[in-house]
Amino acid sequence: MSTFATNTSSTSLLGGLSSSVSGMIEAIVQYRQYRKTISELNKLSFKELEDLGLTRGTIKSVAMEAVYGV
């Protein structure tokens, strides 16, 4: 195997690994934001939630949509 082929393979492997690590970090950051959104919304009173058009039962789905766009 030539040096060029080895360097190309290593670069490709490192690029894939870097991409995987970046994806995991992004997933962790999003999950933390999801949990924080739920926590903050749970701190609100029933009246405050009502003013926002929310109920306790919709907090998780609202957080999911806000963070993940789902």
PDB file of N, CA and C in Angstrom:
ATOM      1  N   MET A   1       0.858  -1.168   0.000  1.00  0.00           N
ATOM      2  CA  MET A   1       0.000   0.000   0.000  1.00  0.00           C
ATOM      3  C   MET A   1       0.900   1.226   0.000  1.00  0.00           C
ATOM      4  N   SER A   2       0.551   2.195  -0.813  1.00  0.00           N
ATOM      5  CA  SER A   2       1.370   3.392  -0.901  1.00  0.00           C
ATOM      6  C   SER A   2       1.104   4.313   0.276  1.00  0.00           C
ATOM      7  N   THR A   3       2.031   5.241   0.481  1.00  0.00           N
ATOM      8  CA  THR A   3       1.873   6.220   1.556  1.00  0.00           C
ATOM      9  C   THR A   3       0.630   7.059   1.319  1.00  0.00           C
ATOM     10  N   PHE A   4       0.368   7.407   0.064  1.00  0.00           N
ATOM     11  CA  PHE A   4      -0.807   8.213  -0.270  1.00  0.00           C
ATOM     12  C   PHE A   4      -2.086   7.481   0.123  1.00  0.00           C
ATOM     13  N   ALA A   5      -2.172   6.194  -0.174  1.00  0.00           N
ATOM     14  CA  ALA A   5      -3.362   5.414   0.147  1.00  0.00           C
ATOM     15  C   ALA A   5      -3.533   5.309   1.661  1.00  0.00           C
ATOM     16  N   THR A   6      -2.447   5.140   2.387  1.00  0.00           N
ATOM     17  CA  THR A   6      -2.508   5.055   3.842  1.00  0.00           C
ATOM     18  C   THR A   6      -2.974   6.376   4.429  1.00  0.00           C
ATOM     19  N   ASN A   7      -2.422   7.478   3.947  1.00  0.00           N
ATOM     20  CA  ASN A   7      -2.817   8.793   4.450  1.00  0.00           C
ATOM     21  C   ASN A   7      -4.283   9.079   4.129  1.00  0.00           C
ATOM     22  N   THR A   8      -4.726   8.689   2.952  1.00  0.00           N
ATOM     23  CA  THR A   8      -6.115   8.902   2.563  1.00  0.00           C
ATOM     24  C   THR A   8      -7.044   8.083   3.454  1.00  0.00           C
ATOM     25  N   SER A   9      -6.663   6.835   3.731  1.00  0.00           N
ATOM     26  CA  SER A   9      -7.473   5.979   4.593  1.00  0.00           C
ATOM     27  C   SER A   9      -7.527   6.535   6.005  1.00  0.00           C
ATOM     28  N   SER A  10      -6.398   6.982   6.513  1.00  0.00           N
ATOM     29  CA  SER A  10      -6.350   7.549   7.862  1.00  0.00           C
ATOM     30  C   SER A  10      -7.185   8.808   7.948  1.00  0.00           C
ATOM     31  N   THR A  11      -7.073   9.656   6.943  1.00  0.00           N
ATOM     32  CA  THR A  11      -7.839  10.899   6.917  1.00  0.00           C
ATOM     33  C   THR A  11      -9.324  10.595   6.869  1.00  0.00           C
ATOM     34  N   SER A  12      -9.703   9.615   6.057  1.00  0.00           N
ATOM     35  CA  SER A  12     -11.101   9.236   5.948  1.00  0.00           C
ATOM     36  C   SER A  12     -11.614   8.676   7.270  1.00  0.00           C
ATOM     37  N   LEU A  13     -10.832   7.850   7.918  1.00  0.00           N
ATOM     38  CA  LEU A  13     -11.208   7.262   9.204  1.00  0.00           C
ATOM     39  C   LEU A  13     -11.337   8.347  10.266  1.00  0.00           C
ATOM     40  N   LEU A  14     -10.386   9.263  10.311  1.00  0.00           N
ATOM     41  CA  LEU A  14     -10.436  10.341  11.303  1.00  0.00           C
ATOM     42  C   LEU A  14     -11.616  11.275  11.037  1.00  0.00           C
ATOM     43  N   GLY A  15     -11.906  11.520   9.775  1.00  0.00           N
ATOM     44  CA  GLY A  15     -13.045  12.361   9.427  1.00  0.00           C
ATOM     45  C   GLY A  15     -14.348  11.727   9.875  1.00  0.00           C
ATOM     46  N   GLY A  16     -14.479  10.439   9.675  1.00  0.00           N
ATOM     47  CA  GLY A  16     -15.674   9.722  10.109  1.00  0.00           C
ATOM     48  C   GLY A  16     -15.797   9.694  11.619  1.00  0.00           C
ATOM     49  N   LEU A  17     -14.689   9.491  12.298  1.00  0.00           N
ATOM     50  CA  LEU A  17     -14.674   9.488  13.760  1.00  0.00           C
ATOM     51  C   LEU A  17     -15.028  10.865  14.298  1.00  0.00           C
ATOM     52  N   SER A  18     -14.456  11.882  13.701  1.00  0.00           N
ATOM     53  CA  SER A  18     -14.747  13.255  14.109  1.00  0.00           C
ATOM     54  C   SER A  18     -16.221  13.581  13.925  1.00  0.00           C
ATOM     55  N   SER A  19     -16.767  13.128  12.821  1.00  0.00           N
ATOM     56  CA  SER A  19     -18.185  13.349  12.538  1.00  0.00           C
ATOM     57  C   SER A  19     -19.055  12.637  13.568  1.00  0.00           C
ATOM     58  N   SER A  20     -18.677  11.420  13.931  1.00  0.00           N
ATOM     59  CA  SER A  20     -19.430  10.658  14.933  1.00  0.00           C
ATOM     60  C   SER A  20     -19.383  11.336  16.294  1.00  0.00           C
ATOM     61  N   VAL A  21     -18.208  11.797  16.687  1.00  0.00           N
ATOM     62  CA  VAL A  21     -18.047  12.483  17.969  1.00  0.00           C
ATOM     63  C   VAL A  21     -18.862  13.776  17.964  1.00  0.00           C
ATOM     64  N   SER A  22     -18.812  14.511  16.876  1.00  0.00           N
ATOM     65  CA  SER A  22     -19.589  15.749  16.766  1.00  0.00           C
ATOM     66  C   SER A  22     -21.077  15.463  16.885  1.00  0.00           C
ATOM     67  N   GLY A  23     -21.524  14.382  16.266  1.00  0.00           N
ATOM     68  CA  GLY A  23     -22.929  13.995  16.344  1.00  0.00           C
ATOM     69  C   GLY A  23     -23.340  13.642  17.761  1.00  0.00           C
ATOM     70  N   MET A  24     -22.470  12.939  18.480  1.00  0.00           N
ATOM     71  CA  MET A  24     -22.771  12.571  19.865  1.00  0.00           C
ATOM     72  C   MET A  24     -22.817  13.803  20.757  1.00  0.00           C
ATOM     73  N   ILE A  25     -21.882  14.715  20.556  1.00  0.00           N
ATOM     74  CA  ILE A  25     -21.861  15.945  21.349  1.00  0.00           C
ATOM     75  C   ILE A  25     -23.125  16.757  21.088  1.00  0.00           C
ATOM     76  N   GLU A  26     -23.522  16.861  19.834  1.00  0.00           N
ATOM     77  CA  GLU A  26     -24.738  17.589  19.496  1.00  0.00           C
ATOM     78  C   GLU A  26     -25.958  16.946  20.143  1.00  0.00           C
ATOM     79  N   ALA A  27     -26.013  15.633  20.147  1.00  0.00           N
ATOM     80  CA  ALA A  27     -27.135  14.919  20.767  1.00  0.00           C
ATOM     81  C   ALA A  27     -27.184  15.180  22.271  1.00  0.00           C
ATOM     82  N   ILE A  28     -26.027  15.208  22.912  1.00  0.00           N
ATOM     83  CA  ILE A  28     -25.965  15.484  24.349  1.00  0.00           C
ATOM     84  C   ILE A  28     -26.419  16.913  24.642  1.00  0.00           C
ATOM     85  N   VAL A  29     -25.954  17.858  23.849  1.00  0.00           N
ATOM     86  CA  VAL A  29     -26.339  19.257  24.032  1.00  0.00           C
ATOM     87  C   VAL A  29     -27.843  19.413  23.845  1.00  0.00           C
ATOM     88  N   GLN A  30     -28.399  18.778  22.832  1.00  0.00           N
ATOM     89  CA  GLN A  30     -29.842  18.856  22.596  1.00  0.00           C
ATOM     90  C   GLN A  30     -30.626  18.222  23.740  1.00  0.00           C
ATOM     91  N   TYR A  31     -30.182  17.082  24.228  1.00  0.00           N
ATOM     92  CA  TYR A  31     -30.882  16.416  25.323  1.00  0.00           C
ATOM     93  C   TYR A  31     -30.875  17.285  26.581  1.00  0.00           C
ATOM     94  N   ARG A  32     -29.729  17.897  26.856  1.00  0.00           N
ATOM     95  CA  ARG A  32     -29.657  18.786  28.021  1.00  0.00           C
ATOM     96  C   ARG A  32     -30.614  19.966  27.861  1.00  0.00           C
ATOM     97  N   GLN A  33     -30.713  20.509  26.662  1.00  0.00           N
ATOM     98  CA  GLN A  33     -31.636  21.613  26.415  1.00  0.00           C
ATOM     99  C   GLN A  33     -33.080  21.144  26.573  1.00  0.00           C
ATOM    100  N   TYR A  34     -33.379  19.946  26.121  1.00  0.00           N
ATOM    101  CA  TYR A  34     -34.708  19.353  26.271  1.00  0.00           C
ATOM    102  C   TYR A  34     -35.065  19.239  27.751  1.00  0.00           C
ATOM    103  N   ARG A  35     -34.152  18.678  28.549  1.00  0.00           N
ATOM    104  CA  ARG A  35     -34.397  18.522  29.985  1.00  0.00           C
ATOM    105  C   ARG A  35     -34.540  19.879  30.671  1.00  0.00           C
ATOM    106  N   LYS A  36     -33.734  20.855  30.279  1.00  0.00           N
ATOM    107  CA  LYS A  36     -33.811  22.193  30.866  1.00  0.00           C
ATOM    108  C   LYS A  36     -35.147  22.848  30.518  1.00  0.00           C
ATOM    109  N   THR A  37     -35.600  22.679  29.293  1.00  0.00           N
ATOM    110  CA  THR A  37     -36.888  23.247  28.876  1.00  0.00           C
ATOM    111  C   THR A  37     -38.014  22.654  29.703  1.00  0.00           C
ATOM    112  N   ILE A  38     -37.999  21.343  29.895  1.00  0.00           N
ATOM    113  CA  ILE A  38     -39.010  20.687  30.719  1.00  0.00           C
ATOM    114  C   ILE A  38     -38.948  21.227  32.151  1.00  0.00           C
ATOM    115  N   SER A  39     -37.765  21.331  32.687  1.00  0.00           N
ATOM    116  CA  SER A  39     -37.594  21.813  34.057  1.00  0.00           C
ATOM    117  C   SER A  39     -38.137  23.235  34.217  1.00  0.00           C
ATOM    118  N   GLU A  40     -37.797  24.094  33.278  1.00  0.00           N
ATOM    119  CA  GLU A  40     -38.253  25.489  33.355  1.00  0.00           C
ATOM    120  C   GLU A  40     -39.772  25.583  33.221  1.00  0.00           C
ATOM    121  N   LEU A  41     -40.341  24.821  32.312  1.00  0.00           N
ATOM    122  CA  LEU A  41     -41.793  24.858  32.153  1.00  0.00           C
ATOM    123  C   LEU A  41     -42.505  24.287  33.374  1.00  0.00           C
ATOM    124  N   ASN A  42     -41.912  23.290  34.008  1.00  0.00           N
ATOM    125  CA  ASN A  42     -42.510  22.710  35.212  1.00  0.00           C
ATOM    126  C   ASN A  42     -42.509  23.679  36.392  1.00  0.00           C
ATOM    127  N   LYS A  43     -41.645  24.670  36.360  1.00  0.00           N
ATOM    128  CA  LYS A  43     -41.596  25.673  37.420  1.00  0.00           C
ATOM    129  C   LYS A  43     -42.750  26.673  37.331  1.00  0.00           C
ATOM    130  N   LEU A  44     -43.379  26.748  36.165  1.00  0.00           N
ATOM    131  CA  LEU A  44     -44.461  27.705  35.975  1.00  0.00           C
ATOM    132  C   LEU A  44     -45.735  27.239  36.679  1.00  0.00           C
ATOM    133  N   SER A  45     -46.538  28.208  37.094  1.00  0.00           N
ATOM    134  CA  SER A  45     -47.823  27.894  37.722  1.00  0.00           C
ATOM    135  C   SER A  45     -48.814  27.459  36.641  1.00  0.00           C
ATOM    136  N   PHE A  46     -49.926  26.899  37.088  1.00  0.00           N
ATOM    137  CA  PHE A  46     -50.985  26.513  36.146  1.00  0.00           C
ATOM    138  C   PHE A  46     -51.450  27.728  35.348  1.00  0.00           C
ATOM    139  N   LYS A  47     -51.565  28.867  36.021  1.00  0.00           N
ATOM    140  CA  LYS A  47     -52.022  30.102  35.370  1.00  0.00           C
ATOM    141  C   LYS A  47     -51.015  30.561  34.315  1.00  0.00           C
ATOM    142  N   GLU A  48     -49.741  30.516  34.642  1.00  0.00           N
ATOM    143  CA  GLU A  48     -48.705  30.918  33.682  1.00  0.00           C
ATOM    144  C   GLU A  48     -48.700  29.992  32.472  1.00  0.00           C
ATOM    145  N   LEU A  49     -48.848  28.689  32.721  1.00  0.00           N
ATOM    146  CA  LEU A  49     -48.921  27.744  31.607  1.00  0.00           C
ATOM    147  C   LEU A  49     -50.151  28.023  30.753  1.00  0.00           C
ATOM    148  N   GLU A  50     -51.271  28.289  31.410  1.00  0.00           N
ATOM    149  CA  GLU A  50     -52.509  28.587  30.687  1.00  0.00           C
ATOM    150  C   GLU A  50     -52.338  29.833  29.811  1.00  0.00           C
ATOM    151  N   ASP A  51     -51.654  30.844  30.334  1.00  0.00           N
ATOM    152  CA  ASP A  51     -51.399  32.060  29.561  1.00  0.00           C
ATOM    153  C   ASP A  51     -50.580  31.771  28.298  1.00  0.00           C
ATOM    154  N   LEU A  52     -49.750  30.744  28.358  1.00  0.00           N
ATOM    155  CA  LEU A  52     -48.938  30.334  27.206  1.00  0.00           C
ATOM    156  C   LEU A  52     -49.669  29.338  26.309  1.00  0.00           C
ATOM    157  N   GLY A  53     -50.863  28.943  26.737  1.00  0.00           N
ATOM    158  CA  GLY A  53     -51.629  27.963  25.967  1.00  0.00           C
ATOM    159  C   GLY A  53     -51.161  26.542  26.195  1.00  0.00           C
ATOM    160  N   LEU A  54     -50.558  26.297  27.359  1.00  0.00           N
ATOM    161  CA  LEU A  54     -50.018  24.979  27.677  1.00  0.00           C
ATOM    162  C   LEU A  54     -50.708  24.388  28.889  1.00  0.00           C
ATOM    163  N   THR A  55     -50.553  23.082  29.039  1.00  0.00           N
ATOM    164  CA  THR A  55     -50.970  22.379  30.245  1.00  0.00           C
ATOM    165  C   THR A  55     -49.782  21.532  30.695  1.00  0.00           C
ATOM    166  N   ARG A  56     -49.873  21.004  31.894  1.00  0.00           N
ATOM    167  CA  ARG A  56     -48.788  20.126  32.372  1.00  0.00           C
ATOM    168  C   ARG A  56     -48.611  18.923  31.443  1.00  0.00           C
ATOM    169  N   GLY A  57     -49.702  18.469  30.874  1.00  0.00           N
ATOM    170  CA  GLY A  57     -49.647  17.308  29.984  1.00  0.00           C
ATOM    171  C   GLY A  57     -48.976  17.560  28.647  1.00  0.00           C
ATOM    172  N   THR A  58     -48.806  18.822  28.281  1.00  0.00           N
ATOM    173  CA  THR A  58     -48.192  19.124  26.985  1.00  0.00           C
ATOM    174  C   THR A  58     -46.732  19.554  27.092  1.00  0.00           C
ATOM    175  N   ILE A  59     -46.219  19.639  28.305  1.00  0.00           N
ATOM    176  CA  ILE A  59     -44.854  20.143  28.497  1.00  0.00           C
ATOM    177  C   ILE A  59     -43.818  19.329  27.730  1.00  0.00           C
ATOM    178  N   LYS A  60     -43.856  18.010  27.827  1.00  0.00           N
ATOM    179  CA  LYS A  60     -42.839  17.187  27.154  1.00  0.00           C
ATOM    180  C   LYS A  60     -42.914  17.326  25.636  1.00  0.00           C
ATOM    181  N   SER A  61     -44.119  17.350  25.092  1.00  0.00           N
ATOM    182  CA  SER A  61     -44.231  17.468  23.634  1.00  0.00           C
ATOM    183  C   SER A  61     -43.806  18.853  23.162  1.00  0.00           C
ATOM    184  N   VAL A  62     -44.091  19.880  23.944  1.00  0.00           N
ATOM    185  CA  VAL A  62     -43.659  21.235  23.593  1.00  0.00           C
ATOM    186  C   VAL A  62     -42.133  21.331  23.645  1.00  0.00           C
ATOM    187  N   ALA A  63     -41.530  20.742  24.660  1.00  0.00           N
ATOM    188  CA  ALA A  63     -40.070  20.740  24.772  1.00  0.00           C
ATOM    189  C   ALA A  63     -39.442  19.968  23.617  1.00  0.00           C
ATOM    190  N   MET A  64     -40.040  18.848  23.260  1.00  0.00           N
ATOM    191  CA  MET A  64     -39.540  18.040  22.148  1.00  0.00           C
ATOM    192  C   MET A  64     -39.564  18.849  20.853  1.00  0.00           C
ATOM    193  N   GLU A  65     -40.664  19.525  20.617  1.00  0.00           N
ATOM    194  CA  GLU A  65     -40.782  20.335  19.402  1.00  0.00           C
ATOM    195  C   GLU A  65     -39.801  21.507  19.423  1.00  0.00           C
ATOM    196  N   ALA A  66     -39.656  22.151  20.574  1.00  0.00           N
ATOM    197  CA  ALA A  66     -38.776  23.303  20.673  1.00  0.00           C
ATOM    198  C   ALA A  66     -37.308  22.932  20.426  1.00  0.00           C
ATOM    199  N   VAL A  67     -36.895  21.800  20.929  1.00  0.00           N
ATOM    200  CA  VAL A  67     -35.483  21.419  20.830  1.00  0.00           C
ATOM    201  C   VAL A  67     -35.181  20.623  19.571  1.00  0.00           C
ATOM    202  N   TYR A  68     -36.018  19.643  19.266  1.00  0.00           N
ATOM    203  CA  TYR A  68     -35.740  18.737  18.160  1.00  0.00           C
ATOM    204  C   TYR A  68     -36.508  19.057  16.894  1.00  0.00           C
ATOM    205  N   GLY A  69     -37.503  19.943  17.008  1.00  0.00           N
ATOM    206  CA  GLY A  69     -38.308  20.285  15.836  1.00  0.00           C
ATOM    207  C   GLY A  69     -39.257  19.167  15.428  1.00  0.00           C
ATOM    208  N   VAL A  70     -39.554  18.277  16.356  1.00  0.00           N
ATOM    209  CA  VAL A  70     -40.414  17.127  16.076  1.00  0.00           C
ATOM    210  C   VAL A  70     -41.810  17.389  16.588  1.00  0.00           C
TER     211      VAL A  70
END
